[in-house]
């Protein structure tokens, strides 16, 4: 049993090493996805803030999610990275900010 556990751990470490580029990109993807999805939910489809917040948070946990209603801009922070998305208009929807 101990050998099997060690073998599984070694396999996970090897898999993690082979996927290190994708795993290192994940923290940025979390905040960007959340900001964009919340912005689209709120300003493109017109749902209320509570619904959009629960929609975004049901997938992955965030440290912070702020909605600047005046500028129609959303800030999301998760896993140490922050991203912003802004509503650009009825034909363009929401887009991530650089």
PDB file of N, CA and C in Angstrom:
ATOM      1  N   UNK A   1       0.819  -1.192   0.000  1.00  0.00           N
ATOM      2  CA  UNK A   1       0.000   0.000   0.000  1.00  0.00           C
ATOM      3  C   UNK A   1       0.865   1.260   0.000  1.00  0.00           C
ATOM      4  N   UNK A   2       1.935   1.228   0.783  1.00  0.00           N
ATOM      5  CA  UNK A   2       2.842   2.365   0.855  1.00  0.00           C
ATOM      6  C   UNK A   2       3.519   2.604  -0.500  1.00  0.00           C
ATOM      7  N   UNK A   3       3.852   1.523  -1.173  1.00  0.00           N
ATOM      8  CA  UNK A   3       4.483   1.618  -2.494  1.00  0.00           C
ATOM      9  C   UNK A   3       3.528   2.226  -3.519  1.00  0.00           C
ATOM     10  N   UNK A   4       2.285   1.817  -3.444  1.00  0.00           N
ATOM     11  CA  UNK A   4       1.274   2.340  -4.367  1.00  0.00           C
ATOM     12  C   UNK A   4       1.082   3.842  -4.157  1.00  0.00           C
ATOM     13  N   UNK A   5       1.027   4.266  -2.918  1.00  0.00           N
ATOM     14  CA  UNK A   5       0.886   5.691  -2.603  1.00  0.00           C
ATOM     15  C   UNK A   5       2.073   6.490  -3.130  1.00  0.00           C
ATOM     16  N   UNK A   6       3.254   5.945  -2.951  1.00  0.00           N
ATOM     17  CA  UNK A   6       4.463   6.602  -3.443  1.00  0.00           C
ATOM     18  C   UNK A   6       4.459   6.692  -4.963  1.00  0.00           C
ATOM     19  N   UNK A   7       4.003   5.643  -5.600  1.00  0.00           N
ATOM     20  CA  UNK A   7       3.922   5.614  -7.057  1.00  0.00           C
ATOM     21  C   UNK A   7       2.909   6.634  -7.583  1.00  0.00           C
ATOM     22  N   UNK A   8       1.785   6.744  -6.908  1.00  0.00           N
ATOM     23  CA  UNK A   8       0.769   7.727  -7.294  1.00  0.00           C
ATOM     24  C   UNK A   8       1.311   9.147  -7.103  1.00  0.00           C
ATOM     25  N   UNK A   9       1.972   9.392  -6.003  1.00  0.00           N
ATOM     26  CA  UNK A   9       2.566  10.709  -5.747  1.00  0.00           C
ATOM     27  C   UNK A   9       3.610  11.050  -6.799  1.00  0.00           C
ATOM     28  N   UNK A  10       4.438  10.118  -7.130  1.00  0.00           N
ATOM     29  CA  UNK A  10       5.448  10.335  -8.166  1.00  0.00           C
ATOM     30  C   UNK A  10       4.783  10.627  -9.515  1.00  0.00           C
ATOM     31  N   UNK A  11       3.722   9.908  -9.830  1.00  0.00           N
ATOM     32  CA  UNK A  11       2.985  10.154 -11.069  1.00  0.00           C
ATOM     33  C   UNK A  11       2.384  11.550 -11.111  1.00  0.00           C
ATOM     34  N   UNK A  12       1.829  12.001  -9.993  1.00  0.00           N
ATOM     35  CA  UNK A  12       1.265  13.349  -9.926  1.00  0.00           C
ATOM     36  C   UNK A  12       2.343  14.419 -10.080  1.00  0.00           C
ATOM     37  N   UNK A  13       3.479  14.194  -9.475  1.00  0.00           N
ATOM     38  CA  UNK A  13       4.587  15.141  -9.611  1.00  0.00           C
ATOM     39  C   UNK A  13       5.082  15.226 -11.056  1.00  0.00           C
ATOM     40  N   UNK A  14       5.201  14.098 -11.702  1.00  0.00           N
ATOM     41  CA  UNK A  14       5.623  14.084 -13.108  1.00  0.00           C
ATOM     42  C   UNK A  14       4.592  14.762 -14.000  1.00  0.00           C
ATOM     43  N   UNK A  15       3.323  14.491 -13.734  1.00  0.00           N
ATOM     44  CA  UNK A  15       2.260  15.139 -14.509  1.00  0.00           C
ATOM     45  C   UNK A  15       2.297  16.654 -14.297  1.00  0.00           C
ATOM     46  N   UNK A  16       2.458  17.080 -13.036  1.00  0.00           N
ATOM     47  CA  UNK A  16       2.534  18.510 -12.727  1.00  0.00           C
ATOM     48  C   UNK A  16       3.706  19.183 -13.424  1.00  0.00           C
ATOM     49  N   UNK A  17       4.834  18.496 -13.468  1.00  0.00           N
ATOM     50  CA  UNK A  17       6.007  19.052 -14.143  1.00  0.00           C
ATOM     51  C   UNK A  17       5.760  19.190 -15.641  1.00  0.00           C
ATOM     52  N   UNK A  18       5.122  18.204 -16.243  1.00  0.00           N
ATOM     53  CA  UNK A  18       4.862  18.268 -17.688  1.00  0.00           C
ATOM     54  C   UNK A  18       3.820  19.328 -18.029  1.00  0.00           C
ATOM     55  N   UNK A  19       2.965  19.678 -17.079  1.00  0.00           N
ATOM     56  CA  UNK A  19       1.918  20.682 -17.305  1.00  0.00           C
ATOM     57  C   UNK A  19       2.231  22.003 -16.612  1.00  0.00           C
ATOM     58  N   UNK A  20       3.492  22.252 -16.316  1.00  0.00           N
ATOM     59  CA  UNK A  20       3.854  23.441 -15.534  1.00  0.00           C
ATOM     60  C   UNK A  20       3.479  24.748 -16.212  1.00  0.00           C
ATOM     61  N   UNK A  21       3.548  24.830 -17.532  1.00  0.00           N
ATOM     62  CA  UNK A  21       3.179  26.070 -18.225  1.00  0.00           C
ATOM     63  C   UNK A  21       1.684  26.360 -18.060  1.00  0.00           C
ATOM     64  N   UNK A  22       0.872  25.351 -18.242  1.00  0.00           N
ATOM     65  CA  UNK A  22      -0.574  25.531 -18.087  1.00  0.00           C
ATOM     66  C   UNK A  22      -0.931  25.834 -16.636  1.00  0.00           C
ATOM     67  N   UNK A  23      -0.296  25.154 -15.702  1.00  0.00           N
ATOM     68  CA  UNK A  23      -0.588  25.379 -14.293  1.00  0.00           C
ATOM     69  C   UNK A  23      -0.157  26.770 -13.840  1.00  0.00           C
ATOM     70  N   UNK A  24       0.929  27.292 -14.383  1.00  0.00           N
ATOM     71  CA  UNK A  24       1.371  28.629 -13.999  1.00  0.00           C
ATOM     72  C   UNK A  24       0.472  29.717 -14.589  1.00  0.00           C
ATOM     73  N   UNK A  25      -0.210  29.438 -15.681  1.00  0.00           N
ATOM     74  CA  UNK A  25      -1.125  30.410 -16.291  1.00  0.00           C
ATOM     75  C   UNK A  25      -2.475  30.442 -15.583  1.00  0.00           C
ATOM     76  N   UNK A  26      -2.817  29.408 -14.849  1.00  0.00           N
ATOM     77  CA  UNK A  26      -4.139  29.286 -14.254  1.00  0.00           C
ATOM     78  C   UNK A  26      -4.533  30.451 -13.350  1.00  0.00           C
ATOM     79  N   UNK A  27      -3.684  30.969 -12.458  1.00  0.00           N
ATOM     80  CA  UNK A  27      -4.127  32.071 -11.599  1.00  0.00           C
ATOM     81  C   UNK A  27      -4.621  33.287 -12.391  1.00  0.00           C
ATOM     82  N   UNK A  28      -3.979  33.612 -13.483  1.00  0.00           N
ATOM     83  CA  UNK A  28      -4.430  34.733 -14.306  1.00  0.00           C
ATOM     84  C   UNK A  28      -5.725  34.438 -15.035  1.00  0.00           C
ATOM     85  N   UNK A  29      -5.909  33.202 -15.407  1.00  0.00           N
ATOM     86  CA  UNK A  29      -7.126  32.808 -16.110  1.00  0.00           C
ATOM     87  C   UNK A  29      -8.329  32.913 -15.181  1.00  0.00           C
ATOM     88  N   UNK A  30      -8.160  32.540 -13.920  1.00  0.00           N
ATOM     89  CA  UNK A  30      -9.257  32.592 -12.963  1.00  0.00           C
ATOM     90  C   UNK A  30      -9.825  33.999 -12.833  1.00  0.00           C
ATOM     91  N   UNK A  31      -8.978  34.985 -12.607  1.00  0.00           N
ATOM     92  CA  UNK A  31      -9.466  36.351 -12.420  1.00  0.00           C
ATOM     93  C   UNK A  31     -10.010  36.928 -13.724  1.00  0.00           C
ATOM     94  N   UNK A  32      -9.359  36.657 -14.847  1.00  0.00           N
ATOM     95  CA  UNK A  32      -9.829  37.179 -16.132  1.00  0.00           C
ATOM     96  C   UNK A  32     -11.185  36.585 -16.509  1.00  0.00           C
ATOM     97  N   UNK A  33     -11.326  35.288 -16.357  1.00  0.00           N
ATOM     98  CA  UNK A  33     -12.600  34.621 -16.665  1.00  0.00           C
ATOM     99  C   UNK A  33     -13.715  35.194 -15.798  1.00  0.00           C
ATOM    100  N   UNK A  34     -13.451  35.348 -14.509  1.00  0.00           N
ATOM    101  CA  UNK A  34     -14.476  35.832 -13.586  1.00  0.00           C
ATOM    102  C   UNK A  34     -14.895  37.261 -13.902  1.00  0.00           C
ATOM    103  N   UNK A  35     -13.925  38.134 -14.174  1.00  0.00           N
ATOM    104  CA  UNK A  35     -14.250  39.525 -14.507  1.00  0.00           C
ATOM    105  C   UNK A  35     -15.079  39.597 -15.786  1.00  0.00           C
ATOM    106  N   UNK A  36     -14.676  38.877 -16.794  1.00  0.00           N
ATOM    107  CA  UNK A  36     -15.379  38.891 -18.081  1.00  0.00           C
ATOM    108  C   UNK A  36     -16.773  38.291 -17.964  1.00  0.00           C
ATOM    109  N   UNK A  37     -16.909  37.169 -17.285  1.00  0.00           N
ATOM    110  CA  UNK A  37     -18.213  36.527 -17.148  1.00  0.00           C
ATOM    111  C   UNK A  37     -19.176  37.379 -16.327  1.00  0.00           C
ATOM    112  N   UNK A  38     -18.698  37.978 -15.241  1.00  0.00           N
ATOM    113  CA  UNK A  38     -19.565  38.823 -14.426  1.00  0.00           C
ATOM    114  C   UNK A  38     -20.005  40.038 -15.234  1.00  0.00           C
ATOM    115  N   UNK A  39     -19.070  40.657 -15.926  1.00  0.00           N
ATOM    116  CA  UNK A  39     -19.392  41.828 -16.746  1.00  0.00           C
ATOM    117  C   UNK A  39     -20.453  41.469 -17.787  1.00  0.00           C
ATOM    118  N   UNK A  40     -20.287  40.351 -18.454  1.00  0.00           N
ATOM    119  CA  UNK A  40     -21.256  39.924 -19.469  1.00  0.00           C
ATOM    120  C   UNK A  40     -22.607  39.625 -18.842  1.00  0.00           C
ATOM    121  N   UNK A  41     -22.602  38.955 -17.723  1.00  0.00           N
ATOM    122  CA  UNK A  41     -23.845  38.624 -17.033  1.00  0.00           C
ATOM    123  C   UNK A  41     -24.592  39.897 -16.632  1.00  0.00           C
ATOM    124  N   UNK A  42     -23.852  40.848 -16.114  1.00  0.00           N
ATOM    125  CA  UNK A  42     -24.441  42.072 -15.559  1.00  0.00           C
ATOM    126  C   UNK A  42     -24.840  43.070 -16.635  1.00  0.00           C
ATOM    127  N   UNK A  43     -23.954  43.356 -17.571  1.00  0.00           N
ATOM    128  CA  UNK A  43     -24.173  44.475 -18.488  1.00  0.00           C
ATOM    129  C   UNK A  43     -24.608  44.057 -19.891  1.00  0.00           C
ATOM    130  N   UNK A  44     -24.363  42.831 -20.290  1.00  0.00           N
ATOM    131  CA  UNK A  44     -24.820  42.381 -21.605  1.00  0.00           C
ATOM    132  C   UNK A  44     -26.210  41.764 -21.483  1.00  0.00           C
ATOM    133  N   UNK A  45     -26.365  40.840 -20.530  1.00  0.00           N
ATOM    134  CA  UNK A  45     -27.666  40.179 -20.383  1.00  0.00           C
ATOM    135  C   UNK A  45     -28.593  40.897 -19.417  1.00  0.00           C
ATOM    136  N   UNK A  46     -28.048  41.787 -18.571  1.00  0.00           N
ATOM    137  CA  UNK A  46     -28.882  42.617 -17.699  1.00  0.00           C
ATOM    138  C   UNK A  46     -29.390  41.951 -16.430  1.00  0.00           C
ATOM    139  N   UNK A  47     -28.733  40.895 -15.972  1.00  0.00           N
ATOM    140  CA  UNK A  47     -29.157  40.241 -14.736  1.00  0.00           C
ATOM    141  C   UNK A  47     -28.744  41.073 -13.523  1.00  0.00           C
ATOM    142  N   UNK A  48     -29.394  40.823 -12.390  1.00  0.00           N
ATOM    143  CA  UNK A  48     -29.086  41.597 -11.185  1.00  0.00           C
ATOM    144  C   UNK A  48     -27.748  41.134 -10.584  1.00  0.00           C
ATOM    145  N   UNK A  49     -27.126  42.007  -9.767  1.00  0.00           N
ATOM    146  CA  UNK A  49     -25.795  41.711  -9.216  1.00  0.00           C
ATOM    147  C   UNK A  49     -25.726  40.421  -8.414  1.00  0.00           C
ATOM    148  N   UNK A  50     -26.734  40.130  -7.621  1.00  0.00           N
ATOM    149  CA  UNK A  50     -26.720  38.914  -6.809  1.00  0.00           C
ATOM    150  C   UNK A  50     -26.649  37.653  -7.649  1.00  0.00           C
ATOM    151  N   UNK A  51     -27.439  37.629  -8.704  1.00  0.00           N
ATOM    152  CA  UNK A  51     -27.430  36.467  -9.586  1.00  0.00           C
ATOM    153  C   UNK A  51     -26.064  36.305 -10.252  1.00  0.00           C
ATOM    154  N   UNK A  52     -25.529  37.405 -10.780  1.00  0.00           N
ATOM    155  CA  UNK A  52     -24.244  37.344 -11.495  1.00  0.00           C
ATOM    156  C   UNK A  52     -23.107  36.947 -10.563  1.00  0.00           C
ATOM    157  N   UNK A  53     -23.154  37.450  -9.334  1.00  0.00           N
ATOM    158  CA  UNK A  53     -22.107  37.080  -8.373  1.00  0.00           C
ATOM    159  C   UNK A  53     -22.175  35.591  -8.062  1.00  0.00           C
ATOM    160  N   UNK A  54     -23.361  35.071  -7.864  1.00  0.00           N
ATOM    161  CA  UNK A  54     -23.471  33.640  -7.574  1.00  0.00           C
ATOM    162  C   UNK A  54     -23.112  32.800  -8.796  1.00  0.00           C
ATOM    163  N   UNK A  55     -23.412  33.298  -9.980  1.00  0.00           N
ATOM    164  CA  UNK A  55     -23.055  32.584 -11.207  1.00  0.00           C
ATOM    165  C   UNK A  55     -21.542  32.457 -11.338  1.00  0.00           C
ATOM    166  N   UNK A  56     -20.836  33.543 -11.100  1.00  0.00           N
ATOM    167  CA  UNK A  56     -19.374  33.533 -11.226  1.00  0.00           C
ATOM    168  C   UNK A  56     -18.749  32.727 -10.088  1.00  0.00           C
ATOM    169  N   UNK A  57     -19.244  32.890  -8.879  1.00  0.00           N
ATOM    170  CA  UNK A  57     -18.642  32.212  -7.731  1.00  0.00           C
ATOM    171  C   UNK A  57     -18.980  30.733  -7.669  1.00  0.00           C
ATOM    172  N   UNK A  58     -19.971  30.284  -8.412  1.00  0.00           N
ATOM    173  CA  UNK A  58     -20.292  28.859  -8.350  1.00  0.00           C
ATOM    174  C   UNK A  58     -19.202  28.012  -8.997  1.00  0.00           C
ATOM    175  N   UNK A  59     -18.420  28.591  -9.859  1.00  0.00           N
ATOM    176  CA  UNK A  59     -17.385  27.828 -10.559  1.00  0.00           C
ATOM    177  C   UNK A  59     -16.087  27.780  -9.774  1.00  0.00           C
ATOM    178  N   UNK A  60     -15.564  28.925  -9.398  1.00  0.00           N
ATOM    179  CA  UNK A  60     -14.271  28.973  -8.713  1.00  0.00           C
ATOM    180  C   UNK A  60     -14.284  30.062  -7.645  1.00  0.00           C
ATOM    181  N   UNK A  61     -13.586  29.866  -6.547  1.00  0.00           N
ATOM    182  CA  UNK A  61     -13.580  30.873  -5.483  1.00  0.00           C
ATOM    183  C   UNK A  61     -12.708  32.071  -5.839  1.00  0.00           C
ATOM    184  N   UNK A  62     -13.165  33.255  -5.475  1.00  0.00           N
ATOM    185  CA  UNK A  62     -12.418  34.494  -5.697  1.00  0.00           C
ATOM    186  C   UNK A  62     -12.120  35.154  -4.362  1.00  0.00           C
ATOM    187  N   UNK A  63     -11.037  35.911  -4.316  1.00  0.00           N
ATOM    188  CA  UNK A  63     -10.724  36.682  -3.126  1.00  0.00           C
ATOM    189  C   UNK A  63     -11.547  37.971  -3.107  1.00  0.00           C
ATOM    190  N   UNK A  64     -11.813  38.538  -4.288  1.00  0.00           N
ATOM    191  CA  UNK A  64     -12.537  39.806  -4.362  1.00  0.00           C
ATOM    192  C   UNK A  64     -13.217  39.933  -5.718  1.00  0.00           C
ATOM    193  N   UNK A  65     -14.414  40.506  -5.692  1.00  0.00           N
ATOM    194  CA  UNK A  65     -15.151  40.805  -6.906  1.00  0.00           C
ATOM    195  C   UNK A  65     -15.841  42.145  -6.683  1.00  0.00           C
ATOM    196  N   UNK A  66     -15.447  43.163  -7.469  1.00  0.00           N
ATOM    197  CA  UNK A  66     -16.019  44.499  -7.321  1.00  0.00           C
ATOM    198  C   UNK A  66     -16.672  44.923  -8.626  1.00  0.00           C
ATOM    199  N   UNK A  67     -17.792  45.593  -8.501  1.00  0.00           N
ATOM    200  CA  UNK A  67     -18.549  46.065  -9.651  1.00  0.00           C
ATOM    201  C   UNK A  67     -18.649  47.580  -9.572  1.00  0.00           C
ATOM    202  N   UNK A  68     -18.022  48.276 -10.499  1.00  0.00           N
ATOM    203  CA  UNK A  68     -18.100  49.731 -10.587  1.00  0.00           C
ATOM    204  C   UNK A  68     -19.251  50.062 -11.547  1.00  0.00           C
ATOM    205  N   UNK A  69     -20.432  50.259 -10.979  1.00  0.00           N
ATOM    206  CA  UNK A  69     -21.645  50.440 -11.785  1.00  0.00           C
ATOM    207  C   UNK A  69     -21.559  51.709 -12.631  1.00  0.00           C
ATOM    208  N   UNK A  70     -21.003  52.759 -12.081  1.00  0.00           N
ATOM    209  CA  UNK A  70     -20.919  54.036 -12.799  1.00  0.00           C
ATOM    210  C   UNK A  70     -20.128  53.899 -14.102  1.00  0.00           C
ATOM    211  N   UNK A  71     -19.037  53.160 -14.085  1.00  0.00           N
ATOM    212  CA  UNK A  71     -18.201  52.992 -15.272  1.00  0.00           C
ATOM    213  C   UNK A  71     -18.441  51.662 -15.988  1.00  0.00           C
ATOM    214  N   UNK A  72     -19.365  50.862 -15.454  1.00  0.00           N
ATOM    215  CA  UNK A  72     -19.659  49.529 -15.992  1.00  0.00           C
ATOM    216  C   UNK A  72     -18.376  48.715 -16.161  1.00  0.00           C
ATOM    217  N   UNK A  73     -17.643  48.671 -15.066  1.00  0.00           N
ATOM    218  CA  UNK A  73     -16.365  47.971 -15.045  1.00  0.00           C
ATOM    219  C   UNK A  73     -16.330  47.012 -13.859  1.00  0.00           C
ATOM    220  N   UNK A  74     -15.723  45.851 -14.049  1.00  0.00           N
ATOM    221  CA  UNK A  74     -15.671  44.811 -13.023  1.00  0.00           C
ATOM    222  C   UNK A  74     -14.211  44.456 -12.740  1.00  0.00           C
ATOM    223  N   UNK A  75     -13.887  44.306 -11.442  1.00  0.00           N
ATOM    224  CA  UNK A  75     -12.558  43.907 -11.001  1.00  0.00           C
ATOM    225  C   UNK A  75     -12.687  42.561 -10.295  1.00  0.00           C
ATOM    226  N   UNK A  76     -11.850  41.630 -10.651  1.00  0.00           N
ATOM    227  CA  UNK A  76     -11.840  40.327  -9.988  1.00  0.00           C
ATOM    228  C   UNK A  76     -10.415  39.996  -9.567  1.00  0.00           C
ATOM    229  N   UNK A  77     -10.278  39.476  -8.336  1.00  0.00           N
ATOM    230  CA  UNK A  77      -8.971  39.068  -7.840  1.00  0.00           C
ATOM    231  C   UNK A  77      -9.086  37.663  -7.289  1.00  0.00           C
ATOM    232  N   UNK A  78      -8.198  36.820  -7.746  1.00  0.00           N
ATOM    233  CA  UNK A  78      -8.170  35.443  -7.274  1.00  0.00           C
ATOM    234  C   UNK A  78      -6.801  34.839  -7.480  1.00  0.00           C
ATOM    235  N   UNK A  79      -6.353  34.057  -6.535  1.00  0.00           N
ATOM    236  CA  UNK A  79      -5.038  33.414  -6.574  1.00  0.00           C
ATOM    237  C   UNK A  79      -3.910  34.411  -6.807  1.00  0.00           C
ATOM    238  N   UNK A  80      -4.074  35.616  -6.233  1.00  0.00           N
ATOM    239  CA  UNK A  80      -3.025  36.624  -6.294  1.00  0.00           C
ATOM    240  C   UNK A  80      -2.965  37.445  -7.567  1.00  0.00           C
ATOM    241  N   UNK A  81      -3.887  37.266  -8.478  1.00  0.00           N
ATOM    242  CA  UNK A  81      -3.899  38.030  -9.731  1.00  0.00           C
ATOM    243  C   UNK A  81      -5.200  38.808  -9.847  1.00  0.00           C
ATOM    244  N   UNK A  82      -5.134  39.971 -10.477  1.00  0.00           N
ATOM    245  CA  UNK A  82      -6.320  40.800 -10.670  1.00  0.00           C
ATOM    246  C   UNK A  82      -6.540  41.036 -12.154  1.00  0.00           C
ATOM    247  N   UNK A  83      -7.802  41.083 -12.550  1.00  0.00           N
ATOM    248  CA  UNK A  83      -8.175  41.377 -13.931  1.00  0.00           C
ATOM    249  C   UNK A  83      -9.399  42.285 -13.919  1.00  0.00           C
ATOM    250  N   UNK A  84      -9.539  43.063 -14.977  1.00  0.00           N
ATOM    251  CA  UNK A  84     -10.666  43.973 -15.116  1.00  0.00           C
ATOM    252  C   UNK A  84     -11.326  43.779 -16.465  1.00  0.00           C
ATOM    253  N   UNK A  85     -12.636  43.953 -16.473  1.00  0.00           N
ATOM    254  CA  UNK A  85     -13.397  43.914 -17.721  1.00  0.00           C
ATOM    255  C   UNK A  85     -14.357  45.094 -17.714  1.00  0.00           C
ATOM    256  N   UNK A  86     -14.609  45.638 -18.892  1.00  0.00           N
ATOM    257  CA  UNK A  86     -15.495  46.806 -19.014  1.00  0.00           C
ATOM    258  C   UNK A  86     -16.471  46.579 -20.153  1.00  0.00           C
ATOM    259  N   UNK A  87     -17.691  47.047 -19.916  1.00  0.00           N
ATOM    260  CA  UNK A  87     -18.711  47.008 -20.953  1.00  0.00           C
ATOM    261  C   UNK A  87     -18.348  48.034 -22.015  1.00  0.00           C
ATOM    262  N   UNK A  88     -18.277  47.598 -23.273  1.00  0.00           N
ATOM    263  CA  UNK A  88     -17.843  48.471 -24.364  1.00  0.00           C
ATOM    264  C   UNK A  88     -18.999  49.010 -25.190  1.00  0.00           C
ATOM    265  N   UNK A  89     -20.158  48.401 -25.064  1.00  0.00           N
ATOM    266  CA  UNK A  89     -21.318  48.868 -25.802  1.00  0.00           C
ATOM    267  C   UNK A  89     -22.201  47.701 -26.221  1.00  0.00           C
ATOM    268  N   UNK A  90     -23.383  48.021 -26.745  1.00  0.00           N
ATOM    269  CA  UNK A  90     -24.330  46.959 -27.086  1.00  0.00           C
ATOM    270  C   UNK A  90     -23.862  46.043 -28.200  1.00  0.00           C
ATOM    271  N   UNK A  91     -23.037  46.511 -29.077  1.00  0.00           N
ATOM    272  CA  UNK A  91     -22.567  45.659 -30.191  1.00  0.00           C
ATOM    273  C   UNK A  91     -21.300  44.897 -29.852  1.00  0.00           C
ATOM    274  N   UNK A  92     -20.533  45.386 -28.874  1.00  0.00           N
ATOM    275  CA  UNK A  92     -19.244  44.770 -28.548  1.00  0.00           C
ATOM    276  C   UNK A  92     -19.267  43.998 -27.232  1.00  0.00           C
ATOM    277  N   UNK A  93     -20.229  44.252 -26.378  1.00  0.00           N
ATOM    278  CA  UNK A  93     -20.308  43.552 -25.096  1.00  0.00           C
ATOM    279  C   UNK A  93     -19.196  43.947 -24.151  1.00  0.00           C
ATOM    280  N   UNK A  94     -18.699  42.999 -23.397  1.00  0.00           N
ATOM    281  CA  UNK A  94     -17.631  43.248 -22.416  1.00  0.00           C
ATOM    282  C   UNK A  94     -16.297  42.752 -22.935  1.00  0.00           C
ATOM    283  N   UNK A  95     -15.251  43.425 -22.535  1.00  0.00           N
ATOM    284  CA  UNK A  95     -13.905  43.008 -22.910  1.00  0.00           C
ATOM    285  C   UNK A  95     -12.937  43.200 -21.764  1.00  0.00           C
ATOM    286  N   UNK A  96     -11.908  42.393 -21.735  1.00  0.00           N
ATOM    287  CA  UNK A  96     -10.879  42.521 -20.712  1.00  0.00           C
ATOM    288  C   UNK A  96     -10.045  43.766 -20.956  1.00  0.00           C
ATOM    289  N   UNK A  97      -9.619  44.388 -19.901  1.00  0.00           N
ATOM    290  CA  UNK A  97      -8.742  45.557 -20.002  1.00  0.00           C
ATOM    291  C   UNK A  97      -7.295  45.104 -19.885  1.00  0.00           C
ATOM    292  N   UNK A  98      -6.415  45.769 -20.606  1.00  0.00           N
ATOM    293  CA  UNK A  98      -4.994  45.389 -20.539  1.00  0.00           C
ATOM    294  C   UNK A  98      -4.375  45.692 -19.186  1.00  0.00           C
TER     295      UNK A  98
END
